[in-house]
Amino acid sequence: MTEEHLRNAALKRAAERDRLTGLFNRCVFDRRLAEAVRHSAGTPVTVMLLDLDGFKDINDTLGHLVGDIVLAALGQRLQAEAGDDIFVARWGGDCRHGRHRIA
């Protein structure tokens, strides 16, 4: 691989992945969900959303660094359990382009 190819691959990964967890970000989630619905031909599309109740308490009492560690560990566990055949994303993470731009 050339240096330019490696650099382009790294840029693509950075644009598609949540910096904290390494999971796909919400831009990729939105795109993949739209594709799944478009190609579903009327069959159901399954989406599971996970909300961490009380997570704010972790950040407030133990600090954001500990909260980040918890999120990163959870992301790794979810991806490991899901395997390669199930798409896992962090919808709540940063998305640098499109309608989810965060300044």
PDB file of N, CA and C in Angstrom:
ATOM      1  N   MET A   1       0.842  -1.180   0.000  1.00  0.00           N
ATOM      2  CA  MET A   1       0.000   0.000   0.000  1.00  0.00           C
ATOM      3  C   MET A   1       0.886   1.243   0.000  1.00  0.00           C
ATOM      4  N   THR A   2       0.447   2.196  -0.761  1.00  0.00           N
ATOM      5  CA  THR A   2       1.196   3.443  -0.781  1.00  0.00           C
ATOM      6  C   THR A   2       0.819   4.290   0.429  1.00  0.00           C
ATOM      7  N   GLU A   3       1.661   5.254   0.701  1.00  0.00           N
ATOM      8  CA  GLU A   3       1.399   6.150   1.829  1.00  0.00           C
ATOM      9  C   GLU A   3       0.086   6.907   1.622  1.00  0.00           C
ATOM     10  N   GLU A   4      -0.183   7.317   0.385  1.00  0.00           N
ATOM     11  CA  GLU A   4      -1.425   8.040   0.101  1.00  0.00           C
ATOM     12  C   GLU A   4      -2.646   7.138   0.321  1.00  0.00           C
ATOM     13  N   HIS A   5      -2.554   5.886  -0.094  1.00  0.00           N
ATOM     14  CA  HIS A   5      -3.651   4.943   0.109  1.00  0.00           C
ATOM     15  C   HIS A   5      -3.911   4.735   1.604  1.00  0.00           C
ATOM     16  N   LEU A   6      -2.863   4.601   2.374  1.00  0.00           N
ATOM     17  CA  LEU A   6      -3.002   4.438   3.817  1.00  0.00           C
ATOM     18  C   LEU A   6      -3.626   5.677   4.451  1.00  0.00           C
ATOM     19  N   ARG A   7      -3.205   6.845   3.993  1.00  0.00           N
ATOM     20  CA  ARG A   7      -3.747   8.097   4.511  1.00  0.00           C
ATOM     21  C   ARG A   7      -5.235   8.221   4.177  1.00  0.00           C
ATOM     22  N   ASN A   8      -5.613   7.861   2.944  1.00  0.00           N
ATOM     23  CA  ASN A   8      -7.023   7.920   2.546  1.00  0.00           C
ATOM     24  C   ASN A   8      -7.872   6.930   3.343  1.00  0.00           C
ATOM     25  N   ALA A   9      -7.339   5.756   3.605  1.00  0.00           N
ATOM     26  CA  ALA A   9      -8.058   4.762   4.403  1.00  0.00           C
ATOM     27  C   ALA A   9      -8.248   5.266   5.834  1.00  0.00           C
ATOM     28  N   ALA A  10      -7.230   5.910   6.382  1.00  0.00           N
ATOM     29  CA  ALA A  10      -7.326   6.457   7.734  1.00  0.00           C
ATOM     30  C   ALA A  10      -8.353   7.588   7.790  1.00  0.00           C
ATOM     31  N   LEU A  11      -8.395   8.434   6.768  1.00  0.00           N
ATOM     32  CA  LEU A  11      -9.374   9.522   6.720  1.00  0.00           C
ATOM     33  C   LEU A  11     -10.795   8.982   6.620  1.00  0.00           C
ATOM     34  N   LYS A  12     -10.980   7.942   5.803  1.00  0.00           N
ATOM     35  CA  LYS A  12     -12.307   7.338   5.670  1.00  0.00           C
ATOM     36  C   LYS A  12     -12.745   6.740   6.999  1.00  0.00           C
ATOM     37  N   ARG A  13     -11.842   6.049   7.665  1.00  0.00           N
ATOM     38  CA  ARG A  13     -12.182   5.464   8.961  1.00  0.00           C
ATOM     39  C   ARG A  13     -12.555   6.556   9.960  1.00  0.00           C
ATOM     40  N   ALA A  14     -11.800   7.629   9.997  1.00  0.00           N
ATOM     41  CA  ALA A  14     -12.074   8.725  10.929  1.00  0.00           C
ATOM     42  C   ALA A  14     -13.426   9.363  10.640  1.00  0.00           C
ATOM     43  N   ALA A  15     -13.819   9.437   9.382  1.00  0.00           N
ATOM     44  CA  ALA A  15     -15.093  10.045   9.008  1.00  0.00           C
ATOM     45  C   ALA A  15     -16.276   9.141   9.328  1.00  0.00           C
ATOM     46  N   GLU A  16     -16.054   7.836   9.405  1.00  0.00           N
ATOM     47  CA  GLU A  16     -17.148   6.884   9.594  1.00  0.00           C
ATOM     48  C   GLU A  16     -17.249   6.331  11.006  1.00  0.00           C
ATOM     49  N   ARG A  17     -16.250   6.557  11.822  1.00  0.00           N
ATOM     50  CA  ARG A  17     -16.212   5.930  13.143  1.00  0.00           C
ATOM     51  C   ARG A  17     -16.300   6.961  14.256  1.00  0.00           C
ATOM     52  N   ASP A  18     -16.934   6.561  15.326  1.00  0.00           N
ATOM     53  CA  ASP A  18     -16.977   7.355  16.535  1.00  0.00           C
ATOM     54  C   ASP A  18     -15.580   7.347  17.154  1.00  0.00           C
ATOM     55  N   ARG A  19     -15.061   8.501  17.483  1.00  0.00           N
ATOM     56  CA  ARG A  19     -13.689   8.595  18.008  1.00  0.00           C
ATOM     57  C   ARG A  19     -13.522   7.851  19.322  1.00  0.00           C
ATOM     58  N   LEU A  20     -14.530   7.860  20.147  1.00  0.00           N
ATOM     59  CA  LEU A  20     -14.423   7.277  21.479  1.00  0.00           C
ATOM     60  C   LEU A  20     -14.529   5.754  21.479  1.00  0.00           C
ATOM     61  N   THR A  21     -15.540   5.230  20.809  1.00  0.00           N
ATOM     62  CA  THR A  21     -15.820   3.792  20.874  1.00  0.00           C
ATOM     63  C   THR A  21     -15.237   2.995  19.720  1.00  0.00           C
ATOM     64  N   GLY A  22     -14.961   3.661  18.608  1.00  0.00           N
ATOM     65  CA  GLY A  22     -14.512   2.948  17.415  1.00  0.00           C
ATOM     66  C   GLY A  22     -15.662   2.334  16.634  1.00  0.00           C
ATOM     67  N   LEU A  23     -16.882   2.450  17.159  1.00  0.00           N
ATOM     68  CA  LEU A  23     -18.055   1.949  16.436  1.00  0.00           C
ATOM     69  C   LEU A  23     -18.369   2.901  15.286  1.00  0.00           C
ATOM     70  N   PHE A  24     -19.185   2.444  14.341  1.00  0.00           N
ATOM     71  CA  PHE A  24     -19.639   3.345  13.295  1.00  0.00           C
ATOM     72  C   PHE A  24     -20.394   4.501  13.937  1.00  0.00           C
ATOM     73  N   ASN A  25     -20.340   5.686  13.307  1.00  0.00           N
ATOM     74  CA  ASN A  25     -21.015   6.854  13.858  1.00  0.00           C
ATOM     75  C   ASN A  25     -22.437   6.958  13.311  1.00  0.00           C
ATOM     76  N   ARG A  26     -23.158   7.980  13.755  1.00  0.00           N
ATOM     77  CA  ARG A  26     -24.560   8.085  13.376  1.00  0.00           C
ATOM     78  C   ARG A  26     -24.759   8.432  11.912  1.00  0.00           C
ATOM     79  N   CYS A  27     -23.792   9.052  11.264  1.00  0.00           N
ATOM     80  CA  CYS A  27     -23.916   9.303   9.825  1.00  0.00           C
ATOM     81  C   CYS A  27     -23.976   7.977   9.070  1.00  0.00           C
ATOM     82  N   VAL A  28     -23.099   7.051   9.436  1.00  0.00           N
ATOM     83  CA  VAL A  28     -23.096   5.733   8.801  1.00  0.00           C
ATOM     84  C   VAL A  28     -24.368   4.985   9.192  1.00  0.00           C
ATOM     85  N   PHE A  29     -24.789   5.103  10.461  1.00  0.00           N
ATOM     86  CA  PHE A  29     -26.040   4.478  10.899  1.00  0.00           C
ATOM     87  C   PHE A  29     -27.202   4.956  10.040  1.00  0.00           C
ATOM     88  N   ASP A  30     -27.343   6.270   9.892  1.00  0.00           N
ATOM     89  CA  ASP A  30     -28.439   6.829   9.095  1.00  0.00           C
ATOM     90  C   ASP A  30     -28.403   6.304   7.661  1.00  0.00           C
ATOM     91  N   ARG A  31     -27.221   6.271   7.073  1.00  0.00           N
ATOM     92  CA  ARG A  31     -27.076   5.796   5.696  1.00  0.00           C
ATOM     93  C   ARG A  31     -27.430   4.316   5.578  1.00  0.00           C
ATOM     94  N   ARG A  32     -26.908   3.506   6.491  1.00  0.00           N
ATOM     95  CA  ARG A  32     -27.175   2.060   6.447  1.00  0.00           C
ATOM     96  C   ARG A  32     -28.649   1.750   6.703  1.00  0.00           C
ATOM     97  N   LEU A  33     -29.283   2.488   7.620  1.00  0.00           N
ATOM     98  CA  LEU A  33     -30.704   2.272   7.884  1.00  0.00           C
ATOM     99  C   LEU A  33     -31.534   2.636   6.657  1.00  0.00           C
ATOM    100  N   ALA A  34     -31.230   3.762   6.037  1.00  0.00           N
ATOM    101  CA  ALA A  34     -31.956   4.161   4.828  1.00  0.00           C
ATOM    102  C   ALA A  34     -31.792   3.113   3.731  1.00  0.00           C
ATOM    103  N   GLU A  35     -30.583   2.591   3.565  1.00  0.00           N
ATOM    104  CA  GLU A  35     -30.348   1.544   2.564  1.00  0.00           C
ATOM    105  C   GLU A  35     -31.137   0.283   2.891  1.00  0.00           C
ATOM    106  N   ALA A  36     -31.157  -0.100   4.163  1.00  0.00           N
ATOM    107  CA  ALA A  36     -31.880  -1.313   4.578  1.00  0.00           C
ATOM    108  C   ALA A  36     -33.373  -1.163   4.307  1.00  0.00           C
ATOM    109  N   VAL A  37     -33.923  -0.002   4.627  1.00  0.00           N
ATOM    110  CA  VAL A  37     -35.349   0.230   4.390  1.00  0.00           C
ATOM    111  C   VAL A  37     -35.638   0.243   2.894  1.00  0.00           C
ATOM    112  N   ARG A  38     -34.790   0.900   2.134  1.00  0.00           N
ATOM    113  CA  ARG A  38     -34.975   0.989   0.682  1.00  0.00           C
ATOM    114  C   ARG A  38     -34.937  -0.390   0.027  1.00  0.00           C
ATOM    115  N   HIS A  39     -34.077  -1.264   0.526  1.00  0.00           N
ATOM    116  CA  HIS A  39     -33.911  -2.596  -0.073  1.00  0.00           C
ATOM    117  C   HIS A  39     -34.754  -3.676   0.607  1.00  0.00           C
ATOM    118  N   SER A  40     -35.578  -3.281   1.566  1.00  0.00           N
ATOM    119  CA  SER A  40     -36.321  -4.278   2.341  1.00  0.00           C
ATOM    120  C   SER A  40     -37.512  -4.864   1.587  1.00  0.00           C
ATOM    121  N   ALA A  41     -37.954  -4.198   0.534  1.00  0.00           N
ATOM    122  CA  ALA A  41     -39.098  -4.659  -0.252  1.00  0.00           C
ATOM    123  C   ALA A  41     -40.308  -4.913   0.646  1.00  0.00           C
ATOM    124  N   GLY A  42     -40.485  -4.058   1.641  1.00  0.00           N
ATOM    125  CA  GLY A  42     -41.643  -4.169   2.508  1.00  0.00           C
ATOM    126  C   GLY A  42     -41.499  -5.125   3.675  1.00  0.00           C
ATOM    127  N   THR A  43     -40.399  -5.850   3.743  1.00  0.00           N
ATOM    128  CA  THR A  43     -40.193  -6.730   4.898  1.00  0.00           C
ATOM    129  C   THR A  43     -39.660  -5.897   6.062  1.00  0.00           C
ATOM    130  N   PRO A  44     -39.928  -6.332   7.279  1.00  0.00           N
ATOM    131  CA  PRO A  44     -39.485  -5.545   8.435  1.00  0.00           C
ATOM    132  C   PRO A  44     -37.965  -5.405   8.519  1.00  0.00           C
ATOM    133  N   VAL A  45     -37.536  -4.283   9.011  1.00  0.00           N
ATOM    134  CA  VAL A  45     -36.127  -4.016   9.299  1.00  0.00           C
ATOM    135  C   VAL A  45     -36.026  -3.884  10.816  1.00  0.00           C
ATOM    136  N   THR A  46     -35.129  -4.626  11.417  1.00  0.00           N
ATOM    137  CA  THR A  46     -34.995  -4.614  12.866  1.00  0.00           C
ATOM    138  C   THR A  46     -33.901  -3.654  13.295  1.00  0.00           C
ATOM    139  N   VAL A  47     -34.254  -2.785  14.237  1.00  0.00           N
ATOM    140  CA  VAL A  47     -33.303  -1.845  14.814  1.00  0.00           C
ATOM    141  C   VAL A  47     -33.449  -1.931  16.329  1.00  0.00           C
ATOM    142  N   MET A  48     -32.337  -2.057  17.023  1.00  0.00           N
ATOM    143  CA  MET A  48     -32.367  -2.054  18.480  1.00  0.00           C
ATOM    144  C   MET A  48     -31.574  -0.843  18.964  1.00  0.00           C
ATOM    145  N   LEU A  49     -32.221  -0.020  19.773  1.00  0.00           N
ATOM    146  CA  LEU A  49     -31.566   1.145  20.349  1.00  0.00           C
ATOM    147  C   LEU A  49     -31.354   0.891  21.830  1.00  0.00           C
ATOM    148  N   LEU A  50     -30.211   1.280  22.308  1.00  0.00           N
ATOM    149  CA  LEU A  50     -29.854   1.064  23.700  1.00  0.00           C
ATOM    150  C   LEU A  50     -29.608   2.425  24.352  1.00  0.00           C
ATOM    151  N   ASP A  51     -30.305   2.691  25.433  1.00  0.00           N
ATOM    152  CA  ASP A  51     -30.127   3.936  26.180  1.00  0.00           C
ATOM    153  C   ASP A  51     -29.589   3.576  27.556  1.00  0.00           C
ATOM    154  N   LEU A  52     -28.558   4.264  27.976  1.00  0.00           N
ATOM    155  CA  LEU A  52     -27.946   3.978  29.268  1.00  0.00           C
ATOM    156  C   LEU A  52     -28.580   4.853  30.346  1.00  0.00           C
ATOM    157  N   ASP A  53     -29.542   4.302  31.061  1.00  0.00           N
ATOM    158  CA  ASP A  53     -30.186   5.038  32.151  1.00  0.00           C
ATOM    159  C   ASP A  53     -29.157   5.369  33.231  1.00  0.00           C
ATOM    160  N   GLY A  54     -29.196   6.587  33.687  1.00  0.00           N
ATOM    161  CA  GLY A  54     -28.317   6.995  34.771  1.00  0.00           C
ATOM    162  C   GLY A  54     -26.881   7.265  34.356  1.00  0.00           C
ATOM    163  N   PHE A  55     -26.609   7.279  33.063  1.00  0.00           N
ATOM    164  CA  PHE A  55     -25.227   7.490  32.630  1.00  0.00           C
ATOM    165  C   PHE A  55     -24.708   8.869  33.031  1.00  0.00           C
ATOM    166  N   LYS A  56     -25.594   9.853  33.048  1.00  0.00           N
ATOM    167  CA  LYS A  56     -25.196  11.197  33.464  1.00  0.00           C
ATOM    168  C   LYS A  56     -24.600  11.168  34.871  1.00  0.00           C
ATOM    169  N   ASP A  57     -25.142  10.297  35.717  1.00  0.00           N
ATOM    170  CA  ASP A  57     -24.628  10.176  37.079  1.00  0.00           C
ATOM    171  C   ASP A  57     -23.162   9.727  37.098  1.00  0.00           C
ATOM    172  N   ILE A  58     -22.786   8.875  36.164  1.00  0.00           N
ATOM    173  CA  ILE A  58     -21.382   8.434  36.073  1.00  0.00           C
ATOM    174  C   ILE A  58     -20.499   9.630  35.767  1.00  0.00           C
ATOM    175  N   ASN A  59     -20.880  10.405  34.758  1.00  0.00           N
ATOM    176  CA  ASN A  59     -20.088  11.587  34.404  1.00  0.00           C
ATOM    177  C   ASN A  59     -20.048  12.598  35.544  1.00  0.00           C
ATOM    178  N   ASP A  60     -21.194  12.804  36.202  1.00  0.00           N
ATOM    179  CA  ASP A  60     -21.273  13.812  37.266  1.00  0.00           C
ATOM    180  C   ASP A  60     -20.498  13.415  38.519  1.00  0.00           C
ATOM    181  N   THR A  61     -20.507  12.145  38.863  1.00  0.00           N
ATOM    182  CA  THR A  61     -19.860  11.727  40.111  1.00  0.00           C
ATOM    183  C   THR A  61     -18.430  11.243  39.929  1.00  0.00           C
ATOM    184  N   LEU A  62     -18.164  10.574  38.808  1.00  0.00           N
ATOM    185  CA  LEU A  62     -16.832   9.993  38.597  1.00  0.00           C
ATOM    186  C   LEU A  62     -15.999  10.736  37.553  1.00  0.00           C
ATOM    187  N   GLY A  63     -16.645  11.627  36.804  1.00  0.00           N
ATOM    188  CA  GLY A  63     -15.934  12.420  35.808  1.00  0.00           C
ATOM    189  C   GLY A  63     -16.106  11.877  34.398  1.00  0.00           C
ATOM    190  N   HIS A  64     -15.886  12.765  33.436  1.00  0.00           N
ATOM    191  CA  HIS A  64     -16.066  12.409  32.035  1.00  0.00           C
ATOM    192  C   HIS A  64     -15.047  11.377  31.548  1.00  0.00           C
ATOM    193  N   LEU A  65     -13.866  11.377  32.118  1.00  0.00           N
ATOM    194  CA  LEU A  65     -12.868  10.380  31.713  1.00  0.00           C
ATOM    195  C   LEU A  65     -13.372   8.979  32.027  1.00  0.00           C
ATOM    196  N   VAL A  66     -13.926   8.788  33.208  1.00  0.00           N
ATOM    197  CA  VAL A  66     -14.478   7.479  33.575  1.00  0.00           C
ATOM    198  C   VAL A  66     -15.674   7.158  32.682  1.00  0.00           C
ATOM    199  N   GLY A  67     -16.526   8.157  32.417  1.00  0.00           N
ATOM    200  CA  GLY A  67     -17.650   7.951  31.509  1.00  0.00           C
ATOM    201  C   GLY A  67     -17.193   7.507  30.136  1.00  0.00           C
ATOM    202  N   ASP A  68     -16.123   8.127  29.635  1.00  0.00           N
ATOM    203  CA  ASP A  68     -15.567   7.739  28.335  1.00  0.00           C
ATOM    204  C   ASP A  68     -15.056   6.301  28.357  1.00  0.00           C
ATOM    205  N   ILE A  69     -14.419   5.921  29.447  1.00  0.00           N
ATOM    206  CA  ILE A  69     -13.907   4.550  29.578  1.00  0.00           C
ATOM    207  C   ILE A  69     -15.069   3.556  29.567  1.00  0.00           C
ATOM    208  N   VAL A  70     -16.147   3.897  30.272  1.00  0.00           N
ATOM    209  CA  VAL A  70     -17.326   3.019  30.304  1.00  0.00           C
ATOM    210  C   VAL A  70     -17.918   2.886  28.904  1.00  0.00           C
ATOM    211  N   LEU A  71     -18.074   4.001  28.189  1.00  0.00           N
ATOM    212  CA  LEU A  71     -18.637   3.946  26.834  1.00  0.00           C
ATOM    213  C   LEU A  71     -17.761   3.136  25.891  1.00  0.00           C
ATOM    214  N   ALA A  72     -16.452   3.340  25.971  1.00  0.00           N
ATOM    215  CA  ALA A  72     -15.538   2.598  25.102  1.00  0.00           C
ATOM    216  C   ALA A  72     -15.615   1.097  25.397  1.00  0.00           C
ATOM    217  N   ALA A  73     -15.642   0.731  26.680  1.00  0.00           N
ATOM    218  CA  ALA A  73     -15.725  -0.686  27.048  1.00  0.00           C
ATOM    219  C   ALA A  73     -17.052  -1.286  26.596  1.00  0.00           C
ATOM    220  N   LEU A  74     -18.135  -0.537  26.771  1.00  0.00           N
ATOM    221  CA  LEU A  74     -19.440  -1.022  26.337  1.00  0.00           C
ATOM    222  C   LEU A  74     -19.471  -1.228  24.826  1.00  0.00           C
ATOM    223  N   GLY A  75     -18.908  -0.282  24.088  1.00  0.00           N
ATOM    224  CA  GLY A  75     -18.851  -0.424  22.631  1.00  0.00           C
ATOM    225  C   GLY A  75     -18.098  -1.670  22.207  1.00  0.00           C
ATOM    226  N   GLN A  76     -16.967  -1.934  22.857  1.00  0.00           N
ATOM    227  CA  GLN A  76     -16.184  -3.135  22.535  1.00  0.00           C
ATOM    228  C   GLN A  76     -16.975  -4.400  22.842  1.00  0.00           C
ATOM    229  N   ARG A  77     -17.657  -4.413  23.965  1.00  0.00           N
ATOM    230  CA  ARG A  77     -18.444  -5.602  24.349  1.00  0.00           C
ATOM    231  C   ARG A  77     -19.606  -5.829  23.399  1.00  0.00           C
ATOM    232  N   LEU A  78     -20.312  -4.754  23.058  1.00  0.00           N
ATOM    233  CA  LEU A  78     -21.438  -4.894  22.134  1.00  0.00           C
ATOM    234  C   LEU A  78     -20.979  -5.434  20.782  1.00  0.00           C
ATOM    235  N   GLN A  79     -19.890  -4.873  20.258  1.00  0.00           N
ATOM    236  CA  GLN A  79     -19.392  -5.335  18.959  1.00  0.00           C
ATOM    237  C   GLN A  79     -18.925  -6.779  19.038  1.00  0.00           C
ATOM    238  N   ALA A  80     -18.260  -7.152  20.120  1.00  0.00           N
ATOM    239  CA  ALA A  80     -17.786  -8.531  20.277  1.00  0.00           C
ATOM    240  C   ALA A  80     -18.961  -9.503  20.338  1.00  0.00           C
ATOM    241  N   GLU A  81     -20.004  -9.144  21.059  1.00  0.00           N
ATOM    242  CA  GLU A  81     -21.183 -10.016  21.165  1.00  0.00           C
ATOM    243  C   GLU A  81     -21.953 -10.080  19.849  1.00  0.00           C
ATOM    244  N   ALA A  82     -22.026  -8.955  19.154  1.00  0.00           N
ATOM    245  CA  ALA A  82     -22.779  -8.903  17.900  1.00  0.00           C
ATOM    246  C   ALA A  82     -22.066  -9.650  16.783  1.00  0.00           C
ATOM    247  N   GLY A  83     -20.748  -9.658  16.821  1.00  0.00           N
ATOM    248  CA  GLY A  83     -19.987 -10.299  15.752  1.00  0.00           C
ATOM    249  C   GLY A  83     -19.944  -9.430  14.509  1.00  0.00           C
ATOM    250  N   ASP A  84     -19.428  -9.998  13.449  1.00  0.00           N
ATOM    251  CA  ASP A  84     -19.235  -9.240  12.212  1.00  0.00           C
ATOM    252  C   ASP A  84     -20.495  -9.126  11.363  1.00  0.00           C
ATOM    253  N   ASP A  85     -21.506  -9.940  11.653  1.00  0.00           N
ATOM    254  CA  ASP A  85     -22.705  -9.952  10.817  1.00  0.00           C
ATOM    255  C   ASP A  85     -23.756  -8.922  11.233  1.00  0.00           C
ATOM    256  N   ILE A  86     -23.571  -8.314  12.400  1.00  0.00           N
ATOM    257  CA  ILE A  86     -24.547  -7.350  12.894  1.00  0.00           C
ATOM    258  C   ILE A  86     -23.892  -5.973  12.948  1.00  0.00           C
ATOM    259  N   PHE A  87     -24.584  -5.005  12.384  1.00  0.00           N
ATOM    260  CA  PHE A  87     -24.094  -3.630  12.325  1.00  0.00           C
ATOM    261  C   PHE A  87     -24.320  -2.955  13.677  1.00  0.00           C
ATOM    262  N   VAL A  88     -23.255  -2.440  14.274  1.00  0.00           N
ATOM    263  CA  VAL A  88     -23.329  -1.755  15.570  1.00  0.00           C
ATOM    264  C   VAL A  88     -22.799  -0.337  15.386  1.00  0.00           C
ATOM    265  N   ALA A  89     -23.544   0.640  15.892  1.00  0.00           N
ATOM    266  CA  ALA A  89     -23.135   2.039  15.756  1.00  0.00           C
ATOM    267  C   ALA A  89     -23.409   2.789  17.046  1.00  0.00           C
ATOM    268  N   ARG A  90     -22.691   3.873  17.225  1.00  0.00           N
ATOM    269  CA  ARG A  90     -22.968   4.793  18.331  1.00  0.00           C
ATOM    270  C   ARG A  90     -23.694   5.993  17.744  1.00  0.00           C
ATOM    271  N   TRP A  91     -24.991   6.010  17.909  1.00  0.00           N
ATOM    272  CA  TRP A  91     -25.794   7.072  17.327  1.00  0.00           C
ATOM    273  C   TRP A  91     -25.577   8.384  18.048  1.00  0.00           C
ATOM    274  N   GLY A  92     -25.284   8.345  19.330  1.00  0.00           N
ATOM    275  CA  GLY A  92     -25.124   9.556  20.112  1.00  0.00           C
ATOM    276  C   GLY A  92     -23.788  10.240  19.933  1.00  0.00           C
ATOM    277  N   GLY A  93     -22.889   9.646  19.176  1.00  0.00           N
ATOM    278  CA  GLY A  93     -21.565  10.219  19.018  1.00  0.00           C
ATOM    279  C   GLY A  93     -21.517  11.331  17.990  1.00  0.00           C
ATOM    280  N   ASP A  94     -20.360  11.905  17.845  1.00  0.00           N
ATOM    281  CA  ASP A  94     -20.113  13.020  16.939  1.00  0.00           C
ATOM    282  C   ASP A  94     -20.232  12.579  15.489  1.00  0.00           C
ATOM    283  N   CYS A  95     -20.780  13.460  14.673  1.00  0.00           N
ATOM    284  CA  CYS A  95     -20.851  13.253  13.229  1.00  0.00           C
ATOM    285  C   CYS A  95     -20.424  14.560  12.583  1.00  0.00           C
ATOM    286  N   ARG A  96     -19.401  14.516  11.776  1.00  0.00           N
ATOM    287  CA  ARG A  96     -18.775  15.744  11.299  1.00  0.00           C
ATOM    288  C   ARG A  96     -19.333  16.297   9.996  1.00  0.00           C
ATOM    289  N   HIS A  97     -20.285  15.627   9.384  1.00  0.00           N
ATOM    290  CA  HIS A  97     -20.809  16.152   8.138  1.00  0.00           C
ATOM    291  C   HIS A  97     -22.301  15.891   8.051  1.00  0.00           C
ATOM    292  N   GLY A  98     -22.920  16.447   7.034  1.00  0.00           N
ATOM    293  CA  GLY A  98     -24.354  16.225   6.851  1.00  0.00           C
ATOM    294  C   GLY A  98     -25.170  17.001   7.876  1.00  0.00           C
ATOM    295  N   ARG A  99     -26.384  16.558   8.065  1.00  0.00           N
ATOM    296  CA  ARG A  99     -27.301  17.305   8.921  1.00  0.00           C
ATOM    297  C   ARG A  99     -26.979  17.179  10.403  1.00  0.00           C
ATOM    298  N   HIS A 100     -26.023  16.321  10.775  1.00  0.00           N
ATOM    299  CA  HIS A 100     -25.689  16.136  12.175  1.00  0.00           C
ATOM    300  C   HIS A 100     -24.424  16.880  12.577  1.00  0.00           C
ATOM    301  N   ARG A 101     -24.029  17.855  11.805  1.00  0.00           N
ATOM    302  CA  ARG A 101     -22.787  18.573  12.102  1.00  0.00           C
ATOM    303  C   ARG A 101     -22.840  19.200  13.487  1.00  0.00           C
ATOM    304  N   ILE A 102     -21.783  18.982  14.231  1.00  0.00           N
ATOM    305  CA  ILE A 102     -21.663  19.577  15.556  1.00  0.00           C
ATOM    306  C   ILE A 102     -20.496  20.544  15.518  1.00  0.00           C
ATOM    307  N   ALA A 103     -20.756  21.799  15.841  1.00  0.00           N
ATOM    308  CA  ALA A 103     -19.689  22.804  15.790  1.00  0.00           C
ATOM    309  C   ALA A 103     -18.887  22.791  17.065  1.00  0.00           C
TER     310      ALA A 103
END
